[in-house]
Structures are given as C-alpha cells and as structure tokens.
Amino acid sequence: MSRYTALNASTASHCYERPIEHQPVAHTDVAIVGAGVVGLTLACALRHSGLSVAIIETQKQDQVGDRDRAYAFSPMSARIFQQMGLWEQVGPYITHFQRVRMSDADYGKAVNFYPTDSPVDAVYYGAEHRVLVRALQGLANHIHRITTYYETTLADIQATATTTQLTLECDGQKQTLHTQLLVGADGARSKIRDYAGIRTSGWAYWQSCITTVLAPAKSHQNTAYEKFWPSGPFAILPIPGNRCQVVWTAPHEEAAAMLALPQDAFMAKLRHRYGDHMGELTMIKPPMMFPVRLMHSERYVQPGIALIGDSAHCCHPVGGQGLNMGIRDAAALARVLHAAHACQEPIGDLRVLKRYERWRRPENWLILAMTDLLNRMFSNQVWPLLWLRRSGLWIIEHTSPLKRMILRVMTGFFGQQPIV
C-alpha cells in the first residue's frame, strides 16, 4: 500500500490509504509544501473557505510531530488557535507566562512584563512542538477537503497558463497533482522559493545558538527571562513539567568551545548565566547548536505561488518571534484566499496574492529590524550604548503606556490582525 494518505470524505473521522497506481491525476485548489506548524495552520485556517487543500511532506506523520523543541508562543498565535477551535487541545498543555523579565547581563535593574500589561491573561506562552503539531494534525484529519501526502517528495514542478502541475513521488511511484496555488511552507532552505527564483537579502550573524532543556530544583514560577550579555542573549523559557528550555547565543568559536566541554564544565558556565534563583539545575536534554541568520525574501508571491513562515523570512531568536510570524502569515494568507474565493476571484492571481504580501511583508520587516537592533544594541560593551540601553530599560519599566505598546508589538497585537 502507498503512504499517500487521504481523509475519506464520506466518513470524515477515518483515514485510509490508496495505491498510487490506481489514482487518476488529482486536482486541488491549494497545495502546501511542508506539514510543520505553519503549513498545517494554513491548511486548518482554510477549513471554512470551500477550497480543497493538499499537504505535501517528506517525513512520516509521526516524525513531523516528534521534534524535541519548544517555542515562545505569542498571545496572537494563541488567539488564532482559539479561533480554529484548538485551545482545548493546546491551552492546558503549555505554560502561561505570568512574568517576562528582560535585563542587561547582571545589571540590577530590569523590565518586567505582567499580564496586566497584556490584552490577554498571560504575557506569553511556552509551547512544545509536539503539542502544537498533534493538535493541528488532529484537526486536519477531520477536514474532508484536506488531503495529506506524507513521505512524499516533490519531484517536478511545471507551470501552465492557469495551474501548476506537480509531480509527486513516493516509493518510486509518481502521481500528478494540479493546483491553482502552490504555497512554500518548507523552511529556510525552501525549494519552492528556489523554484520561483525569489531572491533573498540578509546576513549570517557572528553568533550561534545553543539550546538545552533543564529541570530546576525550584519552581520556575511561569517566569521567562531574556538576559542580554555582551556575547549575546540568554533566554530561559519555562515549559510544562517544571522544565526550562535555554536558548544561549554566543560567538561561533565560543559556542563551539562550550559545546565541546565535559558536561560538568558546561553546566558551570551555564549556571553563571542562568543564576541560582531556581536552585540546582539538572540537564535533561543534551545541548545542540545551530547558526543564526537574518533572511528576508524580496517578495512573498508571484502568480500561482506564495511563501509563508521561514520560507519567506528568518530572524534572530531574541524575543521568540520566528514561529509566531509564520503563524500570522498563514492566518493572513488564509483570510485573503477565503475572501477571494467567496468573490469568485482566481486564488493564484497576482492581484489576489499581493494583498497578502502588502499585509504581511511590512510587519515582518519591522520585527526583523527590531530583533536585529536588540541583538546589536545589547551584544557589546560600548560605553555610550551601555548607558543608553540601561537608561532605556529604566524608562520602559517606569512608563506603563510605553511598556504596553512594546508588548503589543512583540505579541502581534498591532496592525491588521488575522481572523480565521
């Protein structure tokens, strides 16, 4: 049997497999390449649009959800999940931040954000990848207009006057799929972006990120920390089970040297940055390292093609913005497509897709610029900048309207808000 899987339209709660060799040429309105959080969010957000959706993913369905990492999950992302009816599957299994503390290294003054500064009952959330993906997969499996193709590669793309012809391959067998709109949700090394010839701008940072998960002896008290050290930001993200994910940014050579240390020596350096407010720390996930870069696509759309999430942009991890930008992309594109289809406009038309680009690209540019500025402003010991940023922290902490405005920007509650 093939690993091409689809939902049975007549019994929407059961999935079945069909041999490729018995399938005719297939047609879909929207084909999404990438079944991660962002791609699945787009598919699920289109549930009431009347559009048919195909999701194409190279990994097995279980593998997609087994990624062992956590995210800073914004209140706007939470609202989008609520609108899709997924909060019962997500809300109880993520951490609701009651405080976010932002400080400059070991300087005593800090900015503290509380739910009273936020339009919702939490400053932010800490969500594990598997919780988000499995909730989305569960919803997608109950939407009869969604067809999923797991363990499937996109072997060829051919554009015609009115549609795009995709050749899908699984276990050496091929199938043709015609679509009005091809969406790249396939990450920073997007094959869809490369196929479309969409150029990018940006740069690699001088830093790498080390991530690990710790179990502190004392409660993390649902408090997240962003500590700006001269070598780079150091974030502590509280997650369920009284665990904390650490995202530690440092210059490449320093990060590589720390990763090569014996565990005791590594933990000693980590505790210096972490502090002793949570007591003894136990490592429960070995540290991993990845490079950091800023990337922005020169355009998000062209006739018959759209990019969302990391396919369109990548930012510095400071502030935990990356995934949330992608979720808002998906919700905004779904809103544009829904409205266009209701007005009987062709969804692959450039005039339609430009509405999505005009909506999302300026906001994403702003977030990319803010995260870049934050990292550069704090990752140094230049005295004038040191004085400026520490004065700025004091002003923000003691100016409630300014604090609320900053939080609205960082949580997605500014500009045009997507409703799905």
Protein backbone atom coordinates (compact mmCIF):
# COMPACT_ATOMS: atom_id res chain seq x y z
CA MET A 1 0.00 0.00 0.00
CA SER A 2 1.12 3.54 -0.67
CA ARG A 3 2.00 6.01 2.03
CA TYR A 4 -0.09 8.63 0.22
CA THR A 5 -2.88 9.16 2.73
CA ALA A 6 -6.17 10.99 2.43
CA LEU A 7 -9.23 11.50 4.55
CA ASN A 8 -12.30 9.60 3.44
CA ALA A 9 -14.82 12.31 2.54
CA SER A 10 -17.83 10.15 3.38
CA THR A 11 -16.54 9.15 6.82
CA ALA A 12 -14.53 12.13 7.94
CA SER A 13 -13.22 10.53 11.12
CA HIS A 14 -11.34 7.69 9.44
CA CYS A 15 -8.26 7.82 7.22
CA TYR A 16 -7.39 5.26 4.59
CA GLU A 17 -4.56 4.54 2.17
CA ARG A 18 -4.86 4.23 -1.59
CA PRO A 19 -2.36 2.71 -4.05
CA ILE A 20 -0.80 5.37 -6.26
CA GLU A 21 -1.09 3.23 -9.36
CA HIS A 22 -4.91 3.25 -9.02
CA GLN A 23 -5.18 7.02 -8.59
CA PRO A 24 -6.02 9.31 -11.51
CA VAL A 25 -4.48 12.72 -11.98
CA ALA A 26 -5.52 14.72 -8.91
CA HIS A 27 -6.62 18.35 -8.60
CA THR A 28 -6.55 20.66 -5.62
CA ASP A 29 -7.05 24.38 -5.10
CA VAL A 30 -4.12 24.89 -2.71
CA ALA A 31 -1.01 22.71 -2.44
CA ILE A 32 1.11 23.34 0.67
CA VAL A 33 4.67 22.02 0.74
CA GLY A 34 5.62 21.44 4.38
CA ALA A 35 3.49 19.95 7.16
CA GLY A 36 5.05 21.75 10.10
CA VAL A 37 3.22 24.13 12.40
CA VAL A 38 2.96 26.91 9.80
CA GLY A 39 1.87 24.73 6.87
CA LEU A 40 -0.73 22.91 8.98
CA THR A 41 -2.01 26.23 10.35
CA LEU A 42 -2.70 27.45 6.82
CA ALA A 43 -4.48 24.21 5.89
CA CYS A 44 -6.66 24.28 9.01
CA ALA A 45 -7.36 28.01 8.69
CA LEU A 46 -8.87 27.31 5.25
CA ARG A 47 -11.37 24.83 6.71
CA HIS A 48 -14.43 27.05 6.03
CA SER A 49 -13.20 28.57 2.76
CA GLY A 50 -14.63 25.96 0.39
CA LEU A 51 -11.15 25.40 -1.05
CA SER A 52 -9.57 21.96 -1.36
CA VAL A 53 -6.09 21.64 0.16
CA ALA A 54 -3.23 19.18 -0.31
CA ILE A 55 -0.32 18.98 2.15
CA ILE A 56 2.95 17.50 0.87
CA GLU A 57 5.57 16.39 3.40
CA THR A 58 8.76 14.34 3.04
CA GLN A 59 8.64 12.90 6.59
CA LYS A 60 6.28 10.42 8.19
CA GLN A 61 3.34 11.94 10.02
CA ASP A 62 4.65 10.83 13.42
CA GLN A 63 8.13 12.21 12.68
CA VAL A 64 6.74 15.66 11.95
CA GLY A 65 5.33 15.84 15.48
CA ASP A 66 8.29 14.30 17.27
CA ARG A 67 10.63 17.29 17.02
CA ASP A 68 12.01 17.84 20.50
CA ARG A 69 11.88 21.60 20.96
CA ALA A 70 9.76 24.35 22.46
CA TYR A 71 8.75 27.81 21.31
CA ALA A 72 7.81 31.14 22.74
CA PHE A 73 4.16 31.15 21.64
CA SER A 74 2.57 34.59 21.40
CA PRO A 75 -0.93 35.59 22.57
CA MET A 76 -1.84 36.35 18.93
CA SER A 77 -0.79 32.83 17.92
CA ALA A 78 -2.88 31.55 20.82
CA ARG A 79 -5.86 33.57 19.57
CA ILE A 80 -5.50 32.04 16.09
CA PHE A 81 -5.51 28.55 17.62
CA GLN A 82 -8.56 29.50 19.67
CA GLN A 83 -10.36 30.65 16.51
CA MET A 84 -9.61 27.27 14.93
CA GLY A 85 -11.15 25.51 17.93
CA LEU A 86 -7.84 24.06 19.15
CA TRP A 87 -7.41 25.75 22.52
CA GLU A 88 -8.76 22.78 24.50
CA GLN A 89 -6.09 20.60 22.87
CA VAL A 90 -3.32 23.17 23.41
CA GLY A 91 -4.06 25.58 26.29
CA PRO A 92 -3.84 23.09 29.20
CA TYR A 93 -0.54 21.65 27.90
CA ILE A 94 1.51 24.83 27.53
CA THR A 95 2.99 27.24 30.06
CA HIS A 96 1.16 30.53 30.63
CA PHE A 97 3.83 33.12 31.44
CA GLN A 98 2.90 35.28 34.41
CA ARG A 99 6.05 37.34 34.05
CA VAL A 100 8.72 38.05 31.45
CA ARG A 101 11.88 39.64 32.87
CA MET A 102 14.27 41.43 30.50
CA SER A 103 17.66 42.50 31.86
CA ASP A 104 21.12 43.64 30.76
CA ALA A 105 23.55 40.93 31.94
CA ASP A 106 23.89 41.15 35.74
CA TYR A 107 22.70 44.78 35.94
CA GLY A 108 20.24 45.01 38.83
CA LYS A 109 17.51 46.96 37.03
CA ALA A 110 15.17 45.11 34.67
CA VAL A 111 11.95 45.41 32.72
CA ASN A 112 9.16 43.17 33.98
CA PHE A 113 6.12 42.43 31.85
CA TYR A 114 2.97 41.11 33.57
CA PRO A 115 -0.48 40.03 32.32
CA THR A 116 -1.77 43.46 33.36
CA ASP A 117 0.41 44.87 30.54
CA SER A 118 -1.11 42.44 28.04
CA PRO A 119 -4.52 42.32 26.32
CA VAL A 120 -4.90 38.68 27.46
CA ASP A 121 -4.41 36.70 30.69
CA ALA A 122 -0.76 35.78 30.03
CA VAL A 123 2.28 37.72 28.88
CA TYR A 124 3.35 34.90 26.56
CA TYR A 125 3.25 31.11 26.43
CA GLY A 126 5.77 28.27 26.27
CA ALA A 127 4.62 25.58 23.83
CA GLU A 128 6.27 22.34 22.82
CA HIS A 129 6.39 21.45 19.14
CA ARG A 130 4.62 18.12 19.55
CA VAL A 131 1.64 19.71 21.33
CA LEU A 132 1.05 22.20 18.53
CA VAL A 133 1.61 19.77 15.66
CA ARG A 134 -0.55 16.98 17.07
CA ALA A 135 -3.43 19.38 17.70
CA LEU A 136 -3.19 20.64 14.12
CA GLN A 137 -2.85 17.13 12.70
CA GLY A 138 -5.93 16.03 14.62
CA LEU A 139 -7.97 18.89 13.17
CA ALA A 140 -6.63 18.37 9.64
CA ASN A 141 -7.59 14.69 9.80
CA HIS A 142 -11.21 15.70 10.35
CA ILE A 143 -11.47 18.18 7.49
CA HIS A 144 -12.69 16.37 4.39
CA ARG A 145 -11.24 18.96 1.99
CA ILE A 146 -7.67 18.31 3.18
CA THR A 147 -5.60 15.55 1.56
CA THR A 148 -2.23 14.72 3.09
CA TYR A 149 0.76 13.22 1.29
CA TYR A 150 3.38 12.09 3.82
CA GLU A 151 6.76 10.50 2.96
CA THR A 152 6.39 12.18 -0.40
CA THR A 153 8.83 14.29 -2.40
CA LEU A 154 8.05 16.96 -4.93
CA ALA A 155 9.87 15.60 -7.97
CA ASP A 156 8.92 18.23 -10.54
CA ILE A 157 7.01 21.50 -10.95
CA GLN A 158 5.61 22.71 -14.26
CA ALA A 159 3.64 25.95 -14.55
CA THR A 160 0.83 26.21 -17.12
CA ALA A 161 -1.34 29.15 -18.08
CA THR A 162 -3.92 28.50 -15.38
CA THR A 163 -2.49 25.91 -12.96
CA THR A 164 0.74 24.46 -11.64
CA GLN A 165 1.43 20.79 -12.32
CA LEU A 166 3.25 18.95 -9.55
CA THR A 167 4.85 15.54 -9.85
CA LEU A 168 4.80 13.74 -6.50
CA GLU A 169 6.96 10.71 -5.79
CA CYS A 170 6.63 8.08 -3.08
CA ASP A 171 8.44 4.72 -3.04
CA GLY A 172 9.45 5.21 -6.66
CA GLN A 173 5.85 5.75 -7.77
CA LYS A 174 4.73 9.05 -9.24
CA GLN A 175 1.46 10.95 -9.28
CA THR A 176 0.44 14.21 -10.94
CA LEU A 177 -1.28 16.91 -8.93
CA HIS A 178 -2.69 20.12 -10.46
CA THR A 179 -3.14 23.16 -8.22
CA GLN A 180 -4.21 26.79 -8.52
CA LEU A 181 -1.83 27.90 -5.78
CA LEU A 182 1.47 26.40 -4.62
CA VAL A 183 2.49 27.51 -1.10
CA GLY A 184 6.03 27.15 0.21
CA ALA A 185 5.99 26.33 3.92
CA ASP A 186 9.15 24.27 3.62
CA GLY A 187 11.55 26.26 5.77
CA ALA A 188 14.57 28.50 5.39
CA ARG A 189 16.04 26.37 2.58
CA SER A 190 12.77 26.44 0.67
CA LYS A 191 12.74 24.52 -2.60
CA ILE A 192 9.59 26.40 -3.59
CA ARG A 193 11.37 29.74 -3.16
CA ASP A 194 14.30 28.43 -5.21
CA TYR A 195 11.98 27.14 -7.94
CA ALA A 196 10.23 30.51 -8.09
CA GLY A 197 13.56 32.30 -8.39
CA ILE A 198 12.73 34.59 -5.48
CA ARG A 199 15.88 36.26 -4.19
CA THR A 200 16.57 36.94 -0.54
CA SER A 201 18.53 39.54 1.37
CA GLY A 202 20.11 39.28 4.80
CA TRP A 203 23.23 38.06 6.54
CA ALA A 204 24.66 35.41 8.79
CA TYR A 205 25.29 36.63 12.34
CA TRP A 206 28.62 36.21 14.08
CA GLN A 207 26.74 34.10 16.63
CA SER A 208 25.43 30.58 17.08
CA CYS A 209 22.68 29.38 19.40
CA ILE A 210 23.00 26.60 21.95
CA THR A 211 19.75 25.04 23.16
CA THR A 212 19.21 22.61 26.02
CA VAL A 213 16.45 21.66 28.44
CA LEU A 214 16.95 21.76 32.21
CA ALA A 215 15.00 20.66 35.27
CA PRO A 216 15.46 23.19 38.12
CA ALA A 217 15.12 22.11 41.74
CA LYS A 218 12.75 25.02 42.47
CA SER A 219 9.65 26.14 40.59
CA HIS A 220 10.19 28.29 37.52
CA GLN A 221 7.01 30.13 38.62
CA ASN A 222 5.91 30.54 34.98
CA THR A 223 8.52 33.27 34.55
CA ALA A 224 10.55 33.71 31.36
CA TYR A 225 13.88 35.52 31.26
CA GLU A 226 15.72 37.34 28.49
CA LYS A 227 19.20 38.25 29.72
CA PHE A 228 21.34 40.31 27.37
CA TRP A 229 25.02 39.50 27.78
CA PRO A 230 27.82 41.14 25.75
CA SER A 231 28.33 37.89 23.82
CA GLY A 232 24.62 37.54 23.03
CA PRO A 233 21.13 37.00 24.52
CA PHE A 234 20.48 34.23 27.03
CA ALA A 235 16.81 33.19 27.24
CA ILE A 236 15.09 30.92 29.76
CA LEU A 237 11.76 29.59 28.52
CA PRO A 238 9.58 27.83 31.15
CA ILE A 239 7.73 24.79 29.81
CA PRO A 240 5.38 22.25 31.44
CA GLY A 241 6.70 19.76 33.96
CA ASN A 242 8.77 22.45 35.70
CA ARG A 243 11.34 22.33 32.91
CA CYS A 244 13.11 25.20 31.20
CA GLN A 245 14.45 25.44 27.67
CA VAL A 246 17.57 27.57 27.41
CA VAL A 247 18.47 29.44 24.23
CA TRP A 248 22.06 30.68 24.66
CA THR A 249 23.56 32.89 21.94
CA ALA A 250 27.33 33.33 21.70
CA PRO A 251 30.00 33.95 19.04
CA HIS A 252 30.63 30.88 16.87
CA GLU A 253 34.01 29.96 18.38
CA GLU A 254 32.80 30.43 21.94
CA ALA A 255 29.64 28.39 21.32
CA ALA A 256 31.60 25.55 19.70
CA ALA A 257 34.10 25.53 22.58
CA MET A 258 31.32 25.34 25.17
CA LEU A 259 29.64 22.51 23.34
CA ALA A 260 32.93 20.57 23.41
CA LEU A 261 33.25 20.87 27.20
CA PRO A 262 32.53 17.97 29.57
CA GLN A 263 29.00 18.24 30.96
CA ASP A 264 30.13 19.43 34.42
CA ALA A 265 32.22 22.24 32.94
CA PHE A 266 29.43 23.19 30.52
CA MET A 267 26.89 23.34 33.36
CA ALA A 268 29.22 25.50 35.45
CA LYS A 269 29.37 28.11 32.66
CA LEU A 270 25.62 27.85 32.11
CA ARG A 271 24.85 28.40 35.81
CA HIS A 272 26.85 31.63 35.72
CA ARG A 273 24.45 32.97 33.06
CA TYR A 274 21.36 31.28 34.43
CA GLY A 275 21.66 32.39 38.07
CA ASP A 276 20.83 30.49 41.26
CA HIS A 277 17.21 31.60 41.74
CA MET A 278 15.85 28.15 40.78
CA GLY A 279 18.33 26.11 42.81
CA GLU A 280 20.21 23.13 41.43
CA LEU A 281 19.90 22.55 37.67
CA THR A 282 19.75 19.12 36.04
CA MET A 283 20.31 18.74 32.32
CA ILE A 284 17.62 16.53 30.75
CA LYS A 285 18.40 17.20 27.07
CA PRO A 286 21.93 17.33 25.64
CA PRO A 287 22.86 20.74 24.20
CA MET A 288 22.60 21.36 20.47
CA MET A 289 23.99 24.22 18.39
CA PHE A 290 22.74 25.96 15.25
CA PRO A 291 23.88 29.08 13.36
CA VAL A 292 21.84 32.28 13.40
CA ARG A 293 20.94 34.36 10.37
CA LEU A 294 18.57 37.06 9.20
CA MET A 295 16.83 36.48 5.87
CA HIS A 296 14.00 38.25 4.08
CA SER A 297 12.59 37.33 0.68
CA GLU A 298 12.44 40.18 -1.80
CA ARG A 299 8.85 39.20 -2.48
CA TYR A 300 6.44 36.70 -0.94
CA VAL A 301 4.32 35.99 -4.02
CA GLN A 302 4.23 35.63 -7.75
CA PRO A 303 1.49 34.21 -9.99
CA GLY A 304 0.40 30.86 -8.57
CA ILE A 305 2.98 30.84 -5.73
CA ALA A 306 3.13 32.18 -2.15
CA LEU A 307 5.69 31.84 0.64
CA ILE A 308 4.91 31.70 4.37
CA GLY A 309 6.95 31.29 7.54
CA ASP A 310 10.66 30.56 7.35
CA SER A 311 10.37 30.16 3.57
CA ALA A 312 9.79 33.92 3.43
CA HIS A 313 11.84 35.18 6.39
CA CYS A 314 14.15 34.16 9.25
CA CYS A 315 15.10 36.29 12.24
CA HIS A 316 17.41 36.26 15.24
CA PRO A 317 15.89 34.11 18.03
CA VAL A 318 15.89 37.02 20.50
CA GLY A 319 12.31 37.72 21.55
CA GLY A 320 10.98 34.38 20.26
CA GLN A 321 9.37 35.86 17.14
CA GLY A 322 10.11 33.35 14.36
CA LEU A 323 7.30 30.81 14.67
CA ASN A 324 4.75 33.46 15.59
CA MET A 325 5.48 35.46 12.44
CA GLY A 326 4.86 32.32 10.41
CA ILE A 327 1.57 31.53 12.14
CA ARG A 328 0.37 35.09 11.40
CA ASP A 329 1.48 34.66 7.78
CA ALA A 330 -0.62 31.50 7.50
CA ALA A 331 -3.68 33.10 9.07
CA ALA A 332 -3.39 36.21 6.88
CA LEU A 333 -2.99 34.19 3.67
CA ALA A 334 -5.99 32.05 4.62
CA ARG A 335 -8.06 35.18 5.18
CA VAL A 336 -7.07 36.61 1.77
CA LEU A 337 -7.77 33.34 -0.06
CA HIS A 338 -11.12 32.85 1.68
CA ALA A 339 -12.27 36.34 0.70
CA ALA A 340 -11.04 35.96 -2.89
CA HIS A 341 -12.75 32.60 -3.34
CA ALA A 342 -16.00 33.99 -1.94
CA CYS A 343 -15.83 36.73 -4.60
CA GLN A 344 -15.03 34.13 -7.29
CA GLU A 345 -11.56 35.56 -7.90
CA PRO A 346 -8.81 33.15 -9.02
CA ILE A 347 -6.73 32.49 -5.91
CA GLY A 348 -3.49 32.17 -7.88
CA ASP A 349 -3.90 35.60 -9.46
CA LEU A 350 -1.11 38.00 -8.58
CA ARG A 351 -3.57 40.76 -7.65
CA VAL A 352 -5.07 38.48 -5.01
CA LEU A 353 -1.73 37.30 -3.66
CA LYS A 354 -0.35 40.84 -3.47
CA ARG A 355 -2.98 41.58 -0.79
CA TYR A 356 -1.28 39.01 1.42
CA GLU A 357 2.18 40.41 0.67
CA ARG A 358 1.12 44.00 1.40
CA TRP A 359 -0.39 42.82 4.68
CA ARG A 360 2.48 40.74 6.00
CA ARG A 361 5.76 41.90 4.50
CA PRO A 362 5.93 45.35 6.21
CA GLU A 363 5.07 43.88 9.62
CA ASN A 364 7.63 41.12 9.23
CA TRP A 365 10.24 43.66 8.14
CA LEU A 366 9.56 45.61 11.34
CA ILE A 367 10.03 42.51 13.52
CA LEU A 368 13.22 41.55 11.68
CA ALA A 369 14.59 45.05 12.22
CA MET A 370 13.60 45.09 15.91
CA THR A 371 15.22 41.74 16.68
CA ASP A 372 18.37 42.75 14.80
CA LEU A 373 18.55 46.06 16.67
CA LEU A 374 18.01 44.39 20.05
CA ASN A 375 20.79 41.90 19.43
CA ARG A 376 23.28 44.51 18.18
CA MET A 377 22.35 47.05 20.85
CA PHE A 378 22.98 44.66 23.74
CA SER A 379 25.72 42.37 22.36
CA ASN A 380 28.57 44.75 23.13
CA GLN A 381 30.25 46.75 25.92
CA VAL A 382 30.49 50.10 24.17
CA TRP A 383 30.03 52.63 26.99
CA PRO A 384 27.59 55.06 25.26
CA LEU A 385 25.38 52.14 24.19
CA LEU A 386 25.67 50.59 27.66
CA TRP A 387 24.42 53.84 29.23
CA LEU A 388 21.71 54.26 26.59
CA ARG A 389 20.26 50.76 26.89
CA ARG A 390 20.29 50.71 30.70
CA SER A 391 18.61 54.12 30.77
CA GLY A 392 16.12 52.74 28.26
CA LEU A 393 15.32 49.76 30.47
CA TRP A 394 14.62 52.08 33.39
CA ILE A 395 12.36 54.29 31.26
CA ILE A 396 10.40 51.33 29.89
CA GLU A 397 9.93 49.81 33.35
CA HIS A 398 8.55 53.09 34.72
CA THR A 399 6.41 54.11 31.72
CA SER A 400 3.36 51.88 31.56
CA PRO A 401 1.99 53.10 28.19
CA LEU A 402 5.39 52.51 26.56
CA LYS A 403 5.64 49.06 28.13
CA ARG A 404 2.17 48.13 26.87
CA MET A 405 2.96 49.41 23.37
CA ILE A 406 6.18 47.36 23.19
CA LEU A 407 4.32 44.26 24.37
CA ARG A 408 1.59 44.76 21.75
CA VAL A 409 4.23 44.81 19.03
CA MET A 410 6.07 41.74 20.37
CA THR A 411 2.86 39.74 20.86
CA GLY A 412 1.34 40.52 17.45
CA PHE A 413 -1.46 42.81 18.64
CA PHE A 414 -0.68 45.67 16.31
CA GLY A 415 -1.56 46.46 12.72
CA GLN A 416 -4.12 44.34 10.87
CA GLN A 417 -4.91 41.23 12.90
CA PRO A 418 -5.83 37.99 11.12
CA ILE A 419 -9.15 36.33 11.94
CA VAL A 420 -9.57 32.72 10.86
